[in-house]
Amino acid sequence: MLMRAFLILIVLCSTLVFLSSCNNDRPDDLIPEDLYLDLLIELEMAHSFFVNSEDSLKVKEMISGVFEHYGITPDRFERSHAWYDSDIDAQILRYRRALDRLNEETANF
């Protein structure tokens, strides 16, 4: 279930990025790749914890909390995501690394 939710997130983010920005310019405030990967994982975990919840406010609060914890704005994340997503081969590898980490973390529960 976690993997399916992660794949849905990937498709939604990729579609959003494609529709909103076809710009390959590196943002001045690009999030470092390791931090970007941490954010992807935590945002997916926040989303997956409440995927069956009727309480969308709780999901929004948790996602806000992730951004606040890392000191990253949603806009900065979206710009960085668009840039990272512009190299699809590298992005696929990032998603695989994220899935590996998610699988490791969920195996420990």
N, C-alpha and C. Protein backbone atom coordinates (compact mmCIF):
# COMPACT_ATOMS: atom_id res chain seq x y z
N MET A 1 0.83 -1.19 0.00
CA MET A 1 0.00 0.00 0.00
C MET A 1 0.87 1.25 0.00
N LEU A 2 1.95 1.24 0.77
CA LEU A 2 2.85 2.38 0.84
C LEU A 2 3.50 2.64 -0.51
N MET A 3 3.89 1.57 -1.18
CA MET A 3 4.53 1.73 -2.49
C MET A 3 3.53 2.30 -3.48
N ARG A 4 2.29 1.83 -3.45
CA ARG A 4 1.27 2.33 -4.36
C ARG A 4 1.01 3.81 -4.13
N ALA A 5 0.93 4.21 -2.88
CA ALA A 5 0.72 5.63 -2.56
C ALA A 5 1.90 6.46 -3.02
N PHE A 6 3.11 5.93 -2.87
CA PHE A 6 4.31 6.65 -3.31
C PHE A 6 4.30 6.81 -4.82
N LEU A 7 3.91 5.77 -5.54
CA LEU A 7 3.85 5.86 -7.00
C LEU A 7 2.80 6.87 -7.45
N ILE A 8 1.68 6.92 -6.74
CA ILE A 8 0.65 7.91 -7.06
C ILE A 8 1.20 9.31 -6.84
N LEU A 9 1.91 9.51 -5.74
CA LEU A 9 2.53 10.80 -5.48
C LEU A 9 3.51 11.19 -6.58
N ILE A 10 4.29 10.24 -7.04
CA ILE A 10 5.25 10.49 -8.11
C ILE A 10 4.52 10.96 -9.37
N VAL A 11 3.47 10.25 -9.73
CA VAL A 11 2.73 10.61 -10.94
C VAL A 11 2.10 11.99 -10.79
N LEU A 12 1.49 12.26 -9.64
CA LEU A 12 0.86 13.55 -9.43
C LEU A 12 1.87 14.69 -9.45
N CYS A 13 2.99 14.50 -8.76
CA CYS A 13 4.03 15.54 -8.73
C CYS A 13 4.61 15.76 -10.12
N SER A 14 4.87 14.69 -10.82
CA SER A 14 5.43 14.81 -12.16
C SER A 14 4.47 15.51 -13.10
N THR A 15 3.20 15.18 -13.01
CA THR A 15 2.20 15.83 -13.86
C THR A 15 2.10 17.30 -13.52
N LEU A 16 2.06 17.62 -12.24
CA LEU A 16 2.00 19.01 -11.81
C LEU A 16 3.20 19.79 -12.32
N VAL A 17 4.36 19.21 -12.17
CA VAL A 17 5.58 19.88 -12.64
C VAL A 17 5.54 20.07 -14.14
N PHE A 18 5.13 19.07 -14.86
CA PHE A 18 5.08 19.16 -16.32
C PHE A 18 4.12 20.24 -16.77
N LEU A 19 2.96 20.29 -16.13
CA LEU A 19 1.96 21.27 -16.54
C LEU A 19 2.31 22.68 -16.11
N SER A 20 2.96 22.82 -14.97
CA SER A 20 3.21 24.16 -14.44
C SER A 20 4.54 24.75 -14.87
N SER A 21 5.48 23.89 -15.27
CA SER A 21 6.79 24.44 -15.59
C SER A 21 7.55 23.52 -16.52
N CYS A 22 7.91 24.05 -17.65
CA CYS A 22 8.77 23.32 -18.57
C CYS A 22 10.13 24.00 -18.61
N ASN A 23 10.55 24.53 -17.49
CA ASN A 23 11.77 25.31 -17.39
C ASN A 23 12.88 24.45 -16.79
N ASN A 24 14.01 24.34 -17.49
CA ASN A 24 15.13 23.54 -17.00
C ASN A 24 16.18 24.37 -16.29
N ASP A 25 15.91 25.66 -16.06
CA ASP A 25 16.88 26.51 -15.38
C ASP A 25 17.01 26.09 -13.93
N ARG A 26 18.26 25.94 -13.51
CA ARG A 26 18.52 25.57 -12.12
C ARG A 26 18.12 26.72 -11.20
N PRO A 27 17.23 26.47 -10.23
CA PRO A 27 16.82 27.55 -9.33
C PRO A 27 18.00 28.00 -8.46
N ASP A 28 18.02 29.27 -8.14
CA ASP A 28 19.08 29.80 -7.27
C ASP A 28 19.03 29.18 -5.88
N ASP A 29 17.82 28.81 -5.45
CA ASP A 29 17.64 28.26 -4.11
C ASP A 29 17.37 26.75 -4.14
N LEU A 30 18.00 26.06 -5.09
CA LEU A 30 17.82 24.62 -5.24
C LEU A 30 18.11 23.89 -3.92
N ILE A 31 17.21 23.03 -3.54
CA ILE A 31 17.39 22.22 -2.34
C ILE A 31 18.46 21.16 -2.66
N PRO A 32 19.45 21.00 -1.78
CA PRO A 32 20.45 19.94 -2.02
C PRO A 32 19.76 18.58 -2.19
N GLU A 33 20.34 17.75 -3.05
CA GLU A 33 19.71 16.48 -3.43
C GLU A 33 19.37 15.60 -2.22
N ASP A 34 20.27 15.47 -1.26
CA ASP A 34 19.99 14.62 -0.11
C ASP A 34 18.81 15.14 0.71
N LEU A 35 18.75 16.46 0.87
CA LEU A 35 17.63 17.06 1.60
C LEU A 35 16.33 16.91 0.80
N TYR A 36 16.43 17.08 -0.51
CA TYR A 36 15.27 16.88 -1.39
C TYR A 36 14.72 15.46 -1.24
N LEU A 37 15.61 14.49 -1.20
CA LEU A 37 15.19 13.09 -1.04
C LEU A 37 14.52 12.88 0.32
N ASP A 38 15.09 13.48 1.37
CA ASP A 38 14.47 13.40 2.70
C ASP A 38 13.05 13.97 2.67
N LEU A 39 12.91 15.11 2.01
CA LEU A 39 11.59 15.74 1.91
C LEU A 39 10.60 14.85 1.14
N LEU A 40 11.04 14.29 0.03
CA LEU A 40 10.17 13.39 -0.73
C LEU A 40 9.66 12.26 0.15
N ILE A 41 10.58 11.67 0.91
CA ILE A 41 10.22 10.54 1.75
C ILE A 41 9.25 10.96 2.86
N GLU A 42 9.57 12.05 3.54
CA GLU A 42 8.70 12.48 4.64
C GLU A 42 7.34 12.95 4.17
N LEU A 43 7.31 13.62 3.02
CA LEU A 43 6.02 14.04 2.49
C LEU A 43 5.17 12.84 2.10
N GLU A 44 5.80 11.84 1.53
CA GLU A 44 5.07 10.62 1.19
C GLU A 44 4.58 9.91 2.44
N MET A 45 5.41 9.86 3.46
CA MET A 45 4.99 9.22 4.71
C MET A 45 3.82 9.98 5.33
N ALA A 46 3.89 11.30 5.33
CA ALA A 46 2.78 12.11 5.86
C ALA A 46 1.50 11.82 5.09
N HIS A 47 1.64 11.77 3.78
CA HIS A 47 0.46 11.49 2.95
C HIS A 47 -0.07 10.08 3.19
N SER A 48 0.81 9.12 3.29
CA SER A 48 0.36 7.73 3.42
C SER A 48 -0.26 7.43 4.79
N PHE A 49 0.17 8.13 5.84
CA PHE A 49 -0.42 7.91 7.16
C PHE A 49 -1.90 8.27 7.17
N PHE A 50 -2.27 9.23 6.35
CA PHE A 50 -3.64 9.71 6.37
C PHE A 50 -4.38 9.45 5.07
N VAL A 51 -3.84 8.55 4.23
CA VAL A 51 -4.44 8.30 2.91
C VAL A 51 -5.89 7.84 3.03
N ASN A 52 -6.21 7.14 4.07
CA ASN A 52 -7.57 6.66 4.25
C ASN A 52 -8.38 7.53 5.21
N SER A 53 -7.78 8.63 5.62
CA SER A 53 -8.44 9.50 6.58
C SER A 53 -9.36 10.47 5.88
N GLU A 54 -10.43 10.80 6.54
CA GLU A 54 -11.35 11.81 6.04
C GLU A 54 -10.88 13.20 6.45
N ASP A 55 -9.87 13.26 7.30
CA ASP A 55 -9.41 14.53 7.87
C ASP A 55 -8.29 15.13 7.03
N SER A 56 -8.67 15.82 5.96
CA SER A 56 -7.66 16.42 5.07
C SER A 56 -6.91 17.54 5.77
N LEU A 57 -7.52 18.17 6.77
CA LEU A 57 -6.84 19.23 7.51
C LEU A 57 -5.61 18.66 8.24
N LYS A 58 -5.74 17.47 8.77
CA LYS A 58 -4.62 16.83 9.45
C LYS A 58 -3.47 16.55 8.49
N VAL A 59 -3.80 16.12 7.29
CA VAL A 59 -2.78 15.87 6.27
C VAL A 59 -2.07 17.16 5.94
N LYS A 60 -2.83 18.23 5.72
CA LYS A 60 -2.23 19.53 5.41
C LYS A 60 -1.34 20.02 6.55
N GLU A 61 -1.78 19.83 7.78
CA GLU A 61 -0.97 20.23 8.93
C GLU A 61 0.33 19.43 9.00
N MET A 62 0.25 18.14 8.73
CA MET A 62 1.45 17.31 8.77
C MET A 62 2.43 17.73 7.67
N ILE A 63 1.92 17.97 6.47
CA ILE A 63 2.78 18.39 5.37
C ILE A 63 3.40 19.74 5.69
N SER A 64 2.61 20.65 6.26
CA SER A 64 3.15 21.94 6.70
C SER A 64 4.24 21.75 7.73
N GLY A 65 4.03 20.81 8.63
CA GLY A 65 5.03 20.52 9.65
C GLY A 65 6.33 20.00 9.06
N VAL A 66 6.25 19.21 8.01
CA VAL A 66 7.45 18.71 7.34
C VAL A 66 8.24 19.88 6.76
N PHE A 67 7.54 20.75 6.03
CA PHE A 67 8.22 21.91 5.45
C PHE A 67 8.83 22.80 6.54
N GLU A 68 8.07 23.01 7.61
CA GLU A 68 8.56 23.84 8.71
C GLU A 68 9.78 23.21 9.37
N HIS A 69 9.74 21.91 9.59
CA HIS A 69 10.85 21.20 10.22
C HIS A 69 12.16 21.41 9.45
N TYR A 70 12.07 21.38 8.14
CA TYR A 70 13.26 21.52 7.31
C TYR A 70 13.55 22.96 6.92
N GLY A 71 12.65 23.88 7.27
CA GLY A 71 12.85 25.28 6.92
C GLY A 71 12.76 25.52 5.42
N ILE A 72 11.92 24.76 4.75
CA ILE A 72 11.75 24.85 3.30
C ILE A 72 10.31 25.28 3.02
N THR A 73 10.13 26.21 2.10
CA THR A 73 8.78 26.61 1.71
C THR A 73 8.26 25.66 0.64
N PRO A 74 6.95 25.52 0.56
CA PRO A 74 6.39 24.69 -0.52
C PRO A 74 6.81 25.19 -1.90
N ASP A 75 6.88 26.50 -2.09
CA ASP A 75 7.31 27.04 -3.39
C ASP A 75 8.74 26.63 -3.73
N ARG A 76 9.61 26.71 -2.74
CA ARG A 76 11.01 26.31 -2.97
C ARG A 76 11.07 24.82 -3.31
N PHE A 77 10.28 24.02 -2.61
CA PHE A 77 10.26 22.59 -2.91
C PHE A 77 9.77 22.36 -4.34
N GLU A 78 8.71 23.05 -4.74
CA GLU A 78 8.17 22.86 -6.09
C GLU A 78 9.18 23.26 -7.16
N ARG A 79 9.91 24.37 -6.94
CA ARG A 79 10.93 24.78 -7.91
C ARG A 79 12.04 23.74 -8.00
N SER A 80 12.47 23.25 -6.85
CA SER A 80 13.53 22.24 -6.83
C SER A 80 13.03 20.95 -7.45
N HIS A 81 11.79 20.58 -7.12
CA HIS A 81 11.22 19.35 -7.68
C HIS A 81 11.15 19.44 -9.20
N ALA A 82 10.74 20.60 -9.72
CA ALA A 82 10.66 20.78 -11.17
C ALA A 82 12.04 20.61 -11.80
N TRP A 83 13.04 21.15 -11.15
CA TRP A 83 14.40 21.05 -11.71
C TRP A 83 14.90 19.61 -11.66
N TYR A 84 14.75 18.96 -10.51
CA TYR A 84 15.18 17.56 -10.40
C TYR A 84 14.39 16.67 -11.35
N ASP A 85 13.13 16.96 -11.51
CA ASP A 85 12.26 16.14 -12.36
C ASP A 85 12.54 16.33 -13.85
N SER A 86 13.28 17.38 -14.19
CA SER A 86 13.57 17.63 -15.61
C SER A 86 14.56 16.61 -16.18
N ASP A 87 15.33 15.96 -15.31
CA ASP A 87 16.22 14.87 -15.75
C ASP A 87 15.58 13.56 -15.29
N ILE A 88 14.74 13.02 -16.15
CA ILE A 88 13.90 11.89 -15.77
C ILE A 88 14.70 10.66 -15.35
N ASP A 89 15.83 10.39 -16.01
CA ASP A 89 16.62 9.21 -15.65
C ASP A 89 17.19 9.34 -14.23
N ALA A 90 17.71 10.51 -13.92
CA ALA A 90 18.24 10.74 -12.57
C ALA A 90 17.11 10.72 -11.55
N GLN A 91 15.95 11.24 -11.94
CA GLN A 91 14.82 11.28 -11.02
C GLN A 91 14.30 9.87 -10.73
N ILE A 92 14.30 9.02 -11.72
CA ILE A 92 13.90 7.62 -11.48
C ILE A 92 14.83 6.98 -10.46
N LEU A 93 16.12 7.24 -10.57
CA LEU A 93 17.07 6.71 -9.58
C LEU A 93 16.80 7.27 -8.19
N ARG A 94 16.46 8.56 -8.12
CA ARG A 94 16.12 9.15 -6.82
C ARG A 94 14.89 8.47 -6.22
N TYR A 95 13.87 8.25 -7.05
CA TYR A 95 12.66 7.58 -6.56
C TYR A 95 12.97 6.16 -6.10
N ARG A 96 13.84 5.48 -6.80
CA ARG A 96 14.23 4.13 -6.36
C ARG A 96 14.93 4.17 -5.01
N ARG A 97 15.83 5.16 -4.85
CA ARG A 97 16.50 5.32 -3.55
C ARG A 97 15.48 5.64 -2.46
N ALA A 98 14.52 6.48 -2.77
CA ALA A 98 13.48 6.83 -1.80
C ALA A 98 12.65 5.59 -1.44
N LEU A 99 12.27 4.81 -2.45
CA LEU A 99 11.51 3.58 -2.18
C LEU A 99 12.31 2.60 -1.32
N ASP A 100 13.60 2.46 -1.61
CA ASP A 100 14.45 1.59 -0.80
C ASP A 100 14.46 2.04 0.65
N ARG A 101 14.61 3.35 0.85
CA ARG A 101 14.61 3.88 2.22
C ARG A 101 13.26 3.69 2.90
N LEU A 102 12.18 3.94 2.17
CA LEU A 102 10.84 3.72 2.73
C LEU A 102 10.62 2.27 3.11
N ASN A 103 11.05 1.37 2.25
CA ASN A 103 10.91 -0.05 2.54
C ASN A 103 11.72 -0.44 3.78
N GLU A 104 12.91 0.10 3.92
CA GLU A 104 13.74 -0.17 5.09
C GLU A 104 13.06 0.35 6.35
N GLU A 105 12.54 1.59 6.27
CA GLU A 105 11.90 2.19 7.44
C GLU A 105 10.62 1.46 7.82
N THR A 106 9.82 1.05 6.85
CA THR A 106 8.58 0.35 7.19
C THR A 106 8.85 -1.07 7.66
N ALA A 107 9.97 -1.65 7.26
CA ALA A 107 10.32 -2.99 7.73
C ALA A 107 10.64 -2.97 9.22
N ASN A 108 11.03 -1.82 9.73
CA ASN A 108 11.39 -1.70 11.14
C ASN A 108 10.18 -1.50 12.06
N PHE A 109 8.97 -1.38 11.46
CA PHE A 109 7.77 -1.19 12.29
C PHE A 109 7.26 -2.48 12.79
